[in-house]
Amino acid sequence: MDAVSPVIVNLIIFVLAIYVGYHVVWTVTPALHTPLMAVTNAISAIVIVGAMLAAALTETTLGKTMGTLAVALAAVNVFGGFLVTRRMLEMFKKKAPKAAAPAAKPSQAAKEGA
């Protein structure tokens, strides 16, 4: 009996990861979203290190190109994630009370006419 091709195994793992990831992301409650975003940013930073290693250690041009693309996409994910997290945290800050409006100044014409 022949072994299953590694390409098929990797494809099955990839499809299952998409399915599980989709269901995990859409079932997160809003209260947990910000802490999970922070953890996701840390994981993406680890992905950058792995992509740099993959790009540096490969010998083919395709491998170097894919590694460089992975570094770029992971960097966009990290920086975008930090921007989104910062905006979400700003939503939870208490707003400063508005200052009282200054008293209306009498017009110059009213002063001269009196």
N, C-alpha and C. Protein backbone atom coordinates (compact mmCIF):
# COMPACT_ATOMS: atom_id res chain seq x y z
N MET A 1 0.85 -1.17 0.00
CA MET A 1 0.00 0.00 0.00
C MET A 1 0.90 1.24 0.00
N ASP A 2 0.60 2.16 -0.90
CA ASP A 2 1.39 3.39 -1.01
C ASP A 2 1.00 4.37 0.07
N ALA A 3 1.98 5.10 0.52
CA ALA A 3 1.73 6.13 1.53
C ALA A 3 1.03 7.32 0.87
N VAL A 4 0.31 8.06 1.67
CA VAL A 4 -0.38 9.23 1.16
C VAL A 4 0.65 10.32 0.87
N SER A 5 0.46 11.00 -0.23
CA SER A 5 1.38 12.05 -0.64
C SER A 5 1.45 13.16 0.42
N PRO A 6 2.64 13.66 0.73
CA PRO A 6 2.76 14.76 1.70
C PRO A 6 2.01 16.02 1.26
N VAL A 7 1.88 16.22 -0.04
CA VAL A 7 1.14 17.38 -0.54
C VAL A 7 -0.33 17.29 -0.13
N ILE A 8 -0.89 16.10 -0.22
CA ILE A 8 -2.29 15.89 0.16
C ILE A 8 -2.47 16.11 1.67
N VAL A 9 -1.53 15.59 2.45
CA VAL A 9 -1.60 15.77 3.91
C VAL A 9 -1.52 17.25 4.26
N ASN A 10 -0.60 17.98 3.64
CA ASN A 10 -0.47 19.42 3.91
C ASN A 10 -1.72 20.18 3.46
N LEU A 11 -2.30 19.79 2.36
CA LEU A 11 -3.53 20.45 1.88
C LEU A 11 -4.68 20.21 2.85
N ILE A 12 -4.80 19.00 3.36
CA ILE A 12 -5.86 18.68 4.33
C ILE A 12 -5.67 19.50 5.61
N ILE A 13 -4.44 19.59 6.09
CA ILE A 13 -4.15 20.39 7.29
C ILE A 13 -4.49 21.85 7.05
N PHE A 14 -4.15 22.36 5.88
CA PHE A 14 -4.43 23.76 5.54
C PHE A 14 -5.93 24.04 5.53
N VAL A 15 -6.70 23.17 4.91
CA VAL A 15 -8.15 23.35 4.84
C VAL A 15 -8.77 23.25 6.24
N LEU A 16 -8.33 22.32 7.05
CA LEU A 16 -8.84 22.20 8.41
C LEU A 16 -8.47 23.43 9.25
N ALA A 17 -7.28 23.98 9.05
CA ALA A 17 -6.87 25.18 9.79
C ALA A 17 -7.76 26.36 9.41
N ILE A 18 -8.11 26.48 8.15
CA ILE A 18 -9.02 27.55 7.72
C ILE A 18 -10.38 27.36 8.37
N TYR A 19 -10.89 26.16 8.36
CA TYR A 19 -12.22 25.89 8.93
C TYR A 19 -12.25 26.19 10.43
N VAL A 20 -11.27 25.68 11.15
CA VAL A 20 -11.23 25.89 12.60
C VAL A 20 -11.01 27.37 12.91
N GLY A 21 -10.10 28.01 12.19
CA GLY A 21 -9.83 29.43 12.42
C GLY A 21 -11.05 30.29 12.19
N TYR A 22 -11.80 29.99 11.15
CA TYR A 22 -13.02 30.75 10.85
C TYR A 22 -14.02 30.65 12.00
N HIS A 23 -14.25 29.45 12.48
CA HIS A 23 -15.22 29.25 13.57
C HIS A 23 -14.72 29.82 14.90
N VAL A 24 -13.43 29.78 15.15
CA VAL A 24 -12.91 30.34 16.39
C VAL A 24 -13.03 31.86 16.39
N VAL A 25 -12.71 32.49 15.28
CA VAL A 25 -12.74 33.95 15.20
C VAL A 25 -14.17 34.48 15.32
N TRP A 26 -15.12 33.84 14.67
CA TRP A 26 -16.49 34.38 14.65
C TRP A 26 -17.26 34.07 15.92
N THR A 27 -16.72 33.26 16.83
CA THR A 27 -17.44 32.98 18.07
C THR A 27 -16.83 33.72 19.27
N VAL A 28 -15.87 34.60 19.04
CA VAL A 28 -15.25 35.36 20.13
C VAL A 28 -16.20 36.47 20.56
N THR A 29 -16.39 36.60 21.88
CA THR A 29 -17.24 37.68 22.39
C THR A 29 -16.48 39.00 22.29
N PRO A 30 -17.19 40.12 22.15
CA PRO A 30 -16.51 41.42 22.02
C PRO A 30 -15.60 41.75 23.20
N ALA A 31 -15.93 41.29 24.40
CA ALA A 31 -15.10 41.61 25.56
C ALA A 31 -13.71 40.95 25.47
N LEU A 32 -13.62 39.84 24.78
CA LEU A 32 -12.34 39.15 24.65
C LEU A 32 -11.55 39.57 23.43
N HIS A 33 -12.14 40.39 22.58
CA HIS A 33 -11.49 40.70 21.31
C HIS A 33 -10.16 41.43 21.49
N THR A 34 -10.11 42.45 22.34
CA THR A 34 -8.88 43.23 22.51
C THR A 34 -7.74 42.40 23.09
N PRO A 35 -7.96 41.62 24.17
CA PRO A 35 -6.84 40.80 24.65
C PRO A 35 -6.38 39.76 23.63
N LEU A 36 -7.30 39.21 22.88
CA LEU A 36 -6.92 38.22 21.86
C LEU A 36 -6.14 38.88 20.73
N MET A 37 -6.48 40.12 20.40
CA MET A 37 -5.73 40.84 19.37
C MET A 37 -4.28 41.04 19.81
N ALA A 38 -4.09 41.35 21.09
CA ALA A 38 -2.73 41.55 21.59
C ALA A 38 -1.93 40.26 21.50
N VAL A 39 -2.54 39.14 21.82
CA VAL A 39 -1.86 37.85 21.72
C VAL A 39 -1.58 37.51 20.26
N THR A 40 -2.52 37.81 19.40
CA THR A 40 -2.33 37.55 17.98
C THR A 40 -1.15 38.35 17.43
N ASN A 41 -1.01 39.58 17.90
CA ASN A 41 0.13 40.39 17.46
C ASN A 41 1.45 39.75 17.89
N ALA A 42 1.48 39.20 19.08
CA ALA A 42 2.71 38.54 19.55
C ALA A 42 3.00 37.29 18.71
N ILE A 43 1.97 36.55 18.37
CA ILE A 43 2.16 35.35 17.53
C ILE A 43 2.65 35.76 16.14
N SER A 44 2.10 36.84 15.60
CA SER A 44 2.53 37.30 14.29
C SER A 44 3.99 37.75 14.32
N ALA A 45 4.44 38.29 15.44
CA ALA A 45 5.85 38.66 15.56
C ALA A 45 6.73 37.42 15.50
N ILE A 46 6.26 36.33 16.07
CA ILE A 46 7.01 35.06 15.99
C ILE A 46 7.01 34.56 14.55
N VAL A 47 5.91 34.77 13.84
CA VAL A 47 5.84 34.36 12.43
C VAL A 47 6.87 35.13 11.61
N ILE A 48 7.09 36.41 11.94
CA ILE A 48 8.10 37.19 11.22
C ILE A 48 9.47 36.56 11.39
N VAL A 49 9.80 36.16 12.60
CA VAL A 49 11.11 35.54 12.85
C VAL A 49 11.23 34.23 12.05
N GLY A 50 10.18 33.43 12.07
CA GLY A 50 10.20 32.18 11.31
C GLY A 50 10.31 32.42 9.81
N ALA A 51 9.62 33.44 9.31
CA ALA A 51 9.68 33.74 7.88
C ALA A 51 11.07 34.24 7.49
N MET A 52 11.70 35.01 8.37
CA MET A 52 13.07 35.47 8.08
C MET A 52 14.04 34.28 8.04
N LEU A 53 13.85 33.36 8.97
CA LEU A 53 14.71 32.16 8.96
C LEU A 53 14.47 31.34 7.69
N ALA A 54 13.21 31.19 7.31
CA ALA A 54 12.90 30.41 6.11
C ALA A 54 13.48 31.07 4.87
N ALA A 55 13.38 32.40 4.80
CA ALA A 55 13.91 33.11 3.64
C ALA A 55 15.44 33.04 3.60
N ALA A 56 16.07 33.07 4.76
CA ALA A 56 17.53 33.07 4.79
C ALA A 56 18.12 31.69 4.54
N LEU A 57 17.44 30.65 4.98
CA LEU A 57 18.02 29.31 4.91
C LEU A 57 17.70 28.55 3.62
N THR A 58 16.78 29.06 2.83
CA THR A 58 16.43 28.36 1.59
C THR A 58 17.45 28.68 0.50
N GLU A 59 17.55 27.80 -0.46
CA GLU A 59 18.54 27.98 -1.52
C GLU A 59 17.92 28.38 -2.85
N THR A 60 16.63 28.18 -3.00
CA THR A 60 16.01 28.47 -4.29
C THR A 60 15.49 29.92 -4.32
N THR A 61 15.35 30.44 -5.52
CA THR A 61 14.83 31.79 -5.69
C THR A 61 13.36 31.85 -5.27
N LEU A 62 12.61 30.82 -5.59
CA LEU A 62 11.20 30.78 -5.20
C LEU A 62 11.06 30.79 -3.68
N GLY A 63 11.90 30.03 -3.00
CA GLY A 63 11.86 29.98 -1.55
C GLY A 63 12.19 31.32 -0.92
N LYS A 64 13.21 32.00 -1.47
CA LYS A 64 13.57 33.33 -0.95
C LYS A 64 12.45 34.33 -1.21
N THR A 65 11.83 34.25 -2.38
CA THR A 65 10.72 35.16 -2.70
C THR A 65 9.54 34.92 -1.78
N MET A 66 9.19 33.66 -1.58
CA MET A 66 8.06 33.35 -0.70
C MET A 66 8.37 33.73 0.75
N GLY A 67 9.60 33.53 1.20
CA GLY A 67 9.99 33.93 2.55
C GLY A 67 9.92 35.44 2.72
N THR A 68 10.38 36.18 1.73
CA THR A 68 10.30 37.64 1.79
C THR A 68 8.86 38.11 1.79
N LEU A 69 8.03 37.48 0.99
CA LEU A 69 6.60 37.81 0.97
C LEU A 69 5.95 37.50 2.32
N ALA A 70 6.35 36.39 2.93
CA ALA A 70 5.82 36.04 4.25
C ALA A 70 6.24 37.06 5.30
N VAL A 71 7.48 37.54 5.23
CA VAL A 71 7.93 38.57 6.17
C VAL A 71 7.11 39.84 5.99
N ALA A 72 6.91 40.25 4.75
CA ALA A 72 6.15 41.48 4.48
C ALA A 72 4.71 41.36 4.97
N LEU A 73 4.05 40.26 4.67
CA LEU A 73 2.66 40.09 5.09
C LEU A 73 2.52 40.00 6.60
N ALA A 74 3.45 39.31 7.25
CA ALA A 74 3.40 39.22 8.71
C ALA A 74 3.65 40.58 9.35
N ALA A 75 4.53 41.38 8.76
CA ALA A 75 4.79 42.72 9.29
C ALA A 75 3.55 43.60 9.17
N VAL A 76 2.88 43.52 8.03
CA VAL A 76 1.63 44.27 7.87
C VAL A 76 0.61 43.83 8.90
N ASN A 77 0.55 42.54 9.16
CA ASN A 77 -0.39 42.00 10.15
C ASN A 77 -0.07 42.51 11.56
N VAL A 78 1.21 42.55 11.91
CA VAL A 78 1.60 43.02 13.25
C VAL A 78 1.27 44.49 13.41
N PHE A 79 1.72 45.32 12.49
CA PHE A 79 1.52 46.75 12.63
C PHE A 79 0.04 47.12 12.53
N GLY A 80 -0.68 46.49 11.62
CA GLY A 80 -2.12 46.74 11.53
C GLY A 80 -2.85 46.29 12.78
N GLY A 81 -2.42 45.17 13.34
CA GLY A 81 -3.04 44.68 14.57
C GLY A 81 -2.83 45.62 15.74
N PHE A 82 -1.62 46.19 15.84
CA PHE A 82 -1.37 47.14 16.91
C PHE A 82 -2.19 48.42 16.72
N LEU A 83 -2.35 48.86 15.49
CA LEU A 83 -3.18 50.05 15.24
C LEU A 83 -4.63 49.80 15.62
N VAL A 84 -5.15 48.64 15.24
CA VAL A 84 -6.54 48.31 15.57
C VAL A 84 -6.70 48.18 17.08
N THR A 85 -5.76 47.53 17.75
CA THR A 85 -5.84 47.37 19.20
C THR A 85 -5.82 48.72 19.90
N ARG A 86 -4.95 49.62 19.43
CA ARG A 86 -4.89 50.95 20.04
C ARG A 86 -6.21 51.71 19.86
N ARG A 87 -6.79 51.63 18.68
CA ARG A 87 -8.07 52.31 18.45
C ARG A 87 -9.17 51.71 19.32
N MET A 88 -9.15 50.40 19.49
CA MET A 88 -10.18 49.77 20.32
C MET A 88 -10.01 50.17 21.78
N LEU A 89 -8.78 50.25 22.26
CA LEU A 89 -8.56 50.65 23.65
C LEU A 89 -8.95 52.10 23.88
N GLU A 90 -8.78 52.95 22.87
CA GLU A 90 -9.21 54.35 23.00
C GLU A 90 -10.72 54.46 23.11
N MET A 91 -11.44 53.51 22.57
CA MET A 91 -12.90 53.53 22.66
C MET A 91 -13.36 53.33 24.11
N PHE A 92 -12.55 52.65 24.92
CA PHE A 92 -12.94 52.37 26.29
C PHE A 92 -12.51 53.46 27.28
N LYS A 93 -11.73 54.44 26.81
CA LYS A 93 -11.31 55.52 27.70
C LYS A 93 -12.48 56.43 27.99
N LYS A 94 -12.50 56.96 29.22
CA LYS A 94 -13.56 57.90 29.58
C LYS A 94 -13.28 59.23 28.91
N LYS A 95 -14.33 59.82 28.40
CA LYS A 95 -14.18 61.10 27.74
C LYS A 95 -14.15 62.21 28.78
N ALA A 96 -13.34 63.23 28.54
CA ALA A 96 -13.23 64.36 29.46
C ALA A 96 -14.53 65.17 29.40
N PRO A 97 -14.99 65.66 30.55
CA PRO A 97 -16.22 66.46 30.53
C PRO A 97 -15.99 67.74 29.74
N LYS A 98 -17.03 68.17 29.04
CA LYS A 98 -16.91 69.39 28.24
C LYS A 98 -16.90 70.60 29.17
N ALA A 99 -16.09 71.59 28.83
CA ALA A 99 -16.01 72.82 29.61
C ALA A 99 -17.27 73.64 29.36
N ALA A 100 -17.64 74.41 30.38
CA ALA A 100 -18.83 75.26 30.25
C ALA A 100 -18.57 76.32 29.19
N ALA A 101 -19.61 76.65 28.43
CA ALA A 101 -19.47 77.66 27.38
C ALA A 101 -19.26 79.02 28.02
N PRO A 102 -18.35 79.84 27.48
CA PRO A 102 -18.12 81.17 28.06
C PRO A 102 -19.36 82.05 27.87
N ALA A 103 -19.52 83.00 28.78
CA ALA A 103 -20.68 83.90 28.71
C ALA A 103 -20.59 84.72 27.43
N ALA A 104 -21.75 84.98 26.87
CA ALA A 104 -21.80 85.72 25.61
C ALA A 104 -21.31 87.15 25.83
N LYS A 105 -20.45 87.60 24.93
CA LYS A 105 -19.94 88.97 25.03
C LYS A 105 -20.92 89.92 24.36
N PRO A 106 -21.14 91.06 24.96
CA PRO A 106 -22.02 92.03 24.30
C PRO A 106 -21.33 92.55 23.04
N SER A 107 -22.10 92.81 22.04
CA SER A 107 -21.54 93.27 20.79
C SER A 107 -20.99 94.70 20.93
N GLN A 108 -20.07 95.00 20.06
CA GLN A 108 -19.44 96.31 20.10
C GLN A 108 -20.46 97.42 19.83
N ALA A 109 -21.45 97.15 18.95
CA ALA A 109 -22.46 98.16 18.62
C ALA A 109 -23.32 98.48 19.84
N ALA A 110 -23.61 97.48 20.64
CA ALA A 110 -24.44 97.71 21.82
C ALA A 110 -23.68 98.57 22.82
N LYS A 111 -22.36 98.39 22.92
CA LYS A 111 -21.56 99.18 23.84
C LYS A 111 -21.53 100.66 23.41
N GLU A 112 -21.37 100.89 22.11
CA GLU A 112 -21.25 102.25 21.61
C GLU A 112 -22.59 102.97 21.64
N GLY A 113 -23.68 102.27 21.44
CA GLY A 113 -24.99 102.87 21.40
C GLY A 113 -25.50 103.24 22.79
N ALA A 114 -24.99 102.66 23.83
CA ALA A 114 -25.53 102.92 25.15
C ALA A 114 -24.94 104.14 25.79
